[in-house]
């Protein structure tokens, strides 16, 4: 397992925001850094999950459509 990255500091958050064309007010940098760290931690956990046998969402939507159509046809 790779080592955890250090938390994003408010000045780094402001620098990355400015670099992306989104100037960040100084009073928002701390909240943005904390939010970015939280998102990063959630994504890190998701990357560790094995979805090998999970069909794509489009497959589930198509299956739900078939079930609903079959139920509608049976009611007629």
Protein backbone atom coordinates (compact mmCIF):
# COMPACT_ATOMS: atom_id res chain seq x y z
CA UNK A 1 0.00 0.00 0.00
CA UNK A 2 1.47 3.40 -0.94
CA UNK A 3 2.24 5.89 1.80
CA UNK A 4 -0.42 8.48 2.49
CA UNK A 5 0.22 11.90 1.06
CA UNK A 6 0.56 14.78 3.51
CA UNK A 7 -2.57 16.90 3.87
CA UNK A 8 -3.07 19.78 1.49
CA UNK A 9 -2.24 23.06 3.20
CA UNK A 10 -4.40 26.17 2.74
CA UNK A 11 -1.61 28.00 0.84
CA UNK A 12 -1.24 24.99 -1.49
CA UNK A 13 -5.01 24.90 -2.05
CA UNK A 14 -4.96 28.60 -2.94
CA UNK A 15 -2.00 28.08 -5.28
CA UNK A 16 -3.67 25.12 -7.07
CA UNK A 17 -6.94 27.04 -7.37
CA UNK A 18 -5.18 30.06 -8.85
CA UNK A 19 -3.25 27.80 -11.22
CA UNK A 20 -6.59 26.41 -12.41
CA UNK A 21 -7.94 29.89 -13.04
CA UNK A 22 -10.09 29.91 -9.90
CA UNK A 23 -8.74 32.56 -7.54
CA UNK A 24 -9.53 31.60 -3.96
CA UNK A 25 -10.28 34.12 -1.22
CA UNK A 26 -7.87 33.78 1.70
CA UNK A 27 -10.69 33.06 4.15
CA UNK A 28 -11.82 30.06 2.02
CA UNK A 29 -8.43 28.35 1.60
CA UNK A 30 -8.65 26.34 4.83
CA UNK A 31 -12.12 24.97 4.04
CA UNK A 32 -11.13 24.15 0.46
CA UNK A 33 -7.99 22.34 1.63
CA UNK A 34 -10.00 20.28 4.15
CA UNK A 35 -12.61 19.42 1.53
CA UNK A 36 -9.96 18.41 -1.01
CA UNK A 37 -8.28 16.19 1.60
CA UNK A 38 -11.59 14.51 2.39
CA UNK A 39 -12.35 13.87 -1.28
CA UNK A 40 -8.85 12.50 -1.76
CA UNK A 41 -9.29 10.08 1.16
CA UNK A 42 -12.63 8.81 -0.19
CA UNK A 43 -11.22 8.32 -3.69
CA UNK A 44 -8.21 6.50 -2.23
CA UNK A 45 -10.54 4.00 -0.53
CA UNK A 46 -12.56 3.52 -3.73
CA UNK A 47 -9.38 2.80 -5.69
CA UNK A 48 -8.66 -0.12 -3.36
CA UNK A 49 -12.02 -1.81 -4.04
CA UNK A 50 -12.22 -4.68 -6.50
CA UNK A 51 -15.07 -4.10 -8.96
CA UNK A 52 -14.01 -6.90 -11.31
CA UNK A 53 -17.37 -8.71 -11.27
CA UNK A 54 -19.54 -5.60 -11.13
CA UNK A 55 -21.27 -4.82 -14.42
CA UNK A 56 -21.27 -1.21 -15.64
CA UNK A 57 -24.20 1.02 -14.65
CA UNK A 58 -25.53 0.93 -18.23
CA UNK A 59 -26.00 -2.83 -17.86
CA UNK A 60 -28.12 -2.34 -14.72
CA UNK A 61 -30.23 0.36 -16.37
CA UNK A 62 -30.90 -1.91 -19.35
CA UNK A 63 -31.84 -4.78 -17.04
CA UNK A 64 -34.24 -2.55 -15.08
CA UNK A 65 -35.86 -1.44 -18.35
CA UNK A 66 -36.35 -5.08 -19.40
CA UNK A 67 -37.93 -5.94 -16.03
CA UNK A 68 -40.27 -2.95 -16.17
CA UNK A 69 -41.31 -3.77 -19.76
CA UNK A 70 -41.93 -7.40 -18.83
CA UNK A 71 -44.09 -6.32 -15.88
CA UNK A 72 -46.03 -3.90 -18.09
CA UNK A 73 -46.58 -6.58 -20.75
CA UNK A 74 -47.74 -9.07 -18.10
CA UNK A 75 -50.30 -6.56 -16.79
CA UNK A 76 -51.86 -6.05 -20.21
